[in-house]
Protein backbone atom coordinates (compact mmCIF):
# COMPACT_ATOMS: atom_id res chain seq x y z
CA PRO A 1 -0.88 -3.89 21.16
CA ALA A 2 -0.85 -0.11 20.93
CA ARG A 3 -0.39 1.20 17.41
CA LYS A 4 1.13 4.48 16.42
CA SER A 5 -1.17 6.21 13.99
CA CYS A 6 0.13 7.41 10.67
CA ALA A 7 -0.79 11.07 10.37
CA LEU A 8 0.23 13.78 7.96
CA THR A 9 2.12 16.74 9.30
CA GLU A 10 0.53 20.15 8.91
CA GLU A 11 2.97 20.96 6.08
CA GLN A 12 2.22 17.68 4.27
CA ALA A 13 -1.52 18.23 4.60
CA LEU A 14 -1.24 21.78 3.26
CA GLN A 15 0.86 20.57 0.32
CA LEU A 16 -1.80 17.98 -0.51
CA ILE A 17 -4.61 20.52 -0.13
CA ALA A 18 -2.74 22.97 -2.39
CA PHE A 19 -2.22 20.26 -5.00
CA LEU A 20 -5.85 19.11 -4.92
CA THR A 21 -7.34 22.59 -5.10
CA SER A 22 -5.04 23.69 -7.93
CA ALA A 23 -5.76 20.40 -9.75
CA ALA A 24 -9.48 21.08 -9.40
CA GLU A 25 -9.04 24.55 -10.88
CA ILE A 26 -6.93 23.44 -13.84
CA SER A 27 -9.39 20.60 -14.53
CA ILE A 28 -11.84 23.25 -15.73
CA HIS A 29 -9.63 23.73 -18.79
CA GLU A 30 -8.25 20.23 -19.38
CA PRO A 31 -9.78 17.17 -21.04
CA THR A 32 -11.93 15.20 -18.58
CA TYR A 33 -9.61 12.19 -18.29
CA TYR A 34 -6.76 14.41 -17.03
CA GLY A 35 -8.63 14.52 -13.74
CA THR A 36 -7.95 10.80 -13.33
CA PHE A 37 -4.23 11.49 -13.71
CA ARG A 38 -4.35 14.24 -11.09
CA LEU A 39 -6.24 12.04 -8.62
CA THR A 40 -3.76 9.20 -9.15
CA ASP A 41 -0.90 11.64 -8.64
CA ALA A 42 -2.54 12.91 -5.43
CA ALA A 43 -2.83 9.33 -4.14
CA SER A 44 0.87 8.81 -4.88
CA ARG A 45 1.76 12.03 -3.07
CA MET A 46 -0.26 11.02 -0.01
CA ILE A 47 1.42 7.62 0.03
CA GLY A 48 4.79 9.36 -0.12
CA PHE A 49 3.86 11.44 2.92
CA MET A 50 2.57 8.36 4.73
CA LEU A 51 5.82 6.51 4.08
CA GLU A 52 7.73 9.36 5.73
CA ASN A 53 5.81 8.44 8.89
CA GLU A 54 5.29 5.06 10.51
CA THR A 55 3.31 2.57 8.40
CA PRO A 56 4.23 -0.82 9.91
CA ARG A 57 1.13 -2.67 8.77
CA THR A 58 0.81 -1.29 5.26
CA GLY A 59 4.32 -0.07 4.42
CA THR A 60 5.17 -2.85 1.97
CA PHE A 61 1.83 -2.53 0.20
CA LEU A 62 2.08 1.27 0.04
CA ARG A 63 5.65 1.23 -1.31
CA GLU A 64 4.64 -1.20 -4.07
CA LEU A 65 1.46 0.74 -4.85
CA LYS A 66 3.37 4.03 -5.09
CA VAL A 67 5.83 2.54 -7.57
CA GLU A 68 2.94 1.18 -9.63
CA LEU A 69 1.02 4.48 -9.52
CA ASP A 70 4.08 6.51 -10.50
CA THR A 71 4.97 4.11 -13.30
CA LYS A 72 1.53 3.63 -14.81
CA LYS A 73 -0.02 7.09 -14.40
CA VAL A 74 2.06 8.31 -17.35
CA TRP A 75 0.50 5.65 -19.58
CA MET A 76 -2.29 8.20 -20.02
CA MET A 77 -0.04 9.98 -22.53
CA TRP A 78 0.68 7.05 -24.88
CA ASP A 79 -1.50 4.03 -24.05
CA ARG A 80 -4.83 5.31 -22.85
CA GLU A 81 -6.57 1.89 -22.90
CA ALA A 82 -3.85 0.31 -20.71
CA TYR A 83 -4.09 3.37 -18.45
CA PHE A 84 -7.86 2.97 -18.12
CA ASP A 85 -7.44 -0.76 -17.41
CA PHE A 86 -4.92 0.13 -14.70
CA LEU A 87 -7.38 2.63 -13.18
CA ARG A 88 -10.06 -0.06 -13.09
CA ALA A 89 -7.73 -2.52 -11.30
CA VAL A 90 -6.26 -0.28 -8.59
CA PRO A 91 -9.37 0.04 -6.38
CA GLY A 92 -9.54 -3.76 -6.09
CA LYS A 93 -5.92 -3.90 -4.94
CA VAL A 94 -6.57 -1.24 -2.33
CA ALA A 95 -9.78 -2.99 -1.22
CA ASN A 96 -7.84 -6.24 -0.74
CA GLU A 97 -5.38 -4.42 1.53
CA VAL A 98 -8.22 -2.79 3.48
CA LYS A 99 -9.77 -6.24 3.94
CA ARG A 100 -6.44 -7.73 5.02
CA ILE A 101 -6.08 -5.07 7.73
CA ALA A 102 -9.72 -5.52 8.82
CA ASP A 103 -9.23 -9.29 9.03
CA GLU A 104 -6.08 -8.81 11.14
CA ASP A 105 -7.99 -6.47 13.46
CA ALA A 106 -10.89 -8.92 13.77
CA ALA A 107 -8.49 -11.79 14.56
CA GLY A 108 -6.80 -9.61 17.19
CA ARG A 109 -10.14 -8.80 18.80
CA GLU A 110 -11.05 -12.51 18.85
CA GLU A 111 -7.72 -13.39 20.49
CA GLY A 112 -8.21 -10.62 23.04
CA ALA A 113 -11.70 -11.87 23.88
CA SER A 114 -10.49 -15.45 24.46
């Protein structure tokens, strides 16, 4: 089946670029671990933009991930160890979703070839 791609609008992309470049500049003056906060915040912002567009295959995952990112990114201020543990766990969650989508695509190709 044809899938509509989820793309950022020009305005959304510029907002993300502005955030990332200003975050890079301010990181010169901040403690090193603040960069992890800014990257997590950027991921949350991108998810927010994606959810404004069509995300039929990943929408549920992205909504849940955004809530988790927005809730736990502030742990940096009062529970740094829990924050670092959270940072270590997130890539695995995202990788599982990437694998789920890849497995769905592979199954679809197999069905199409039958």
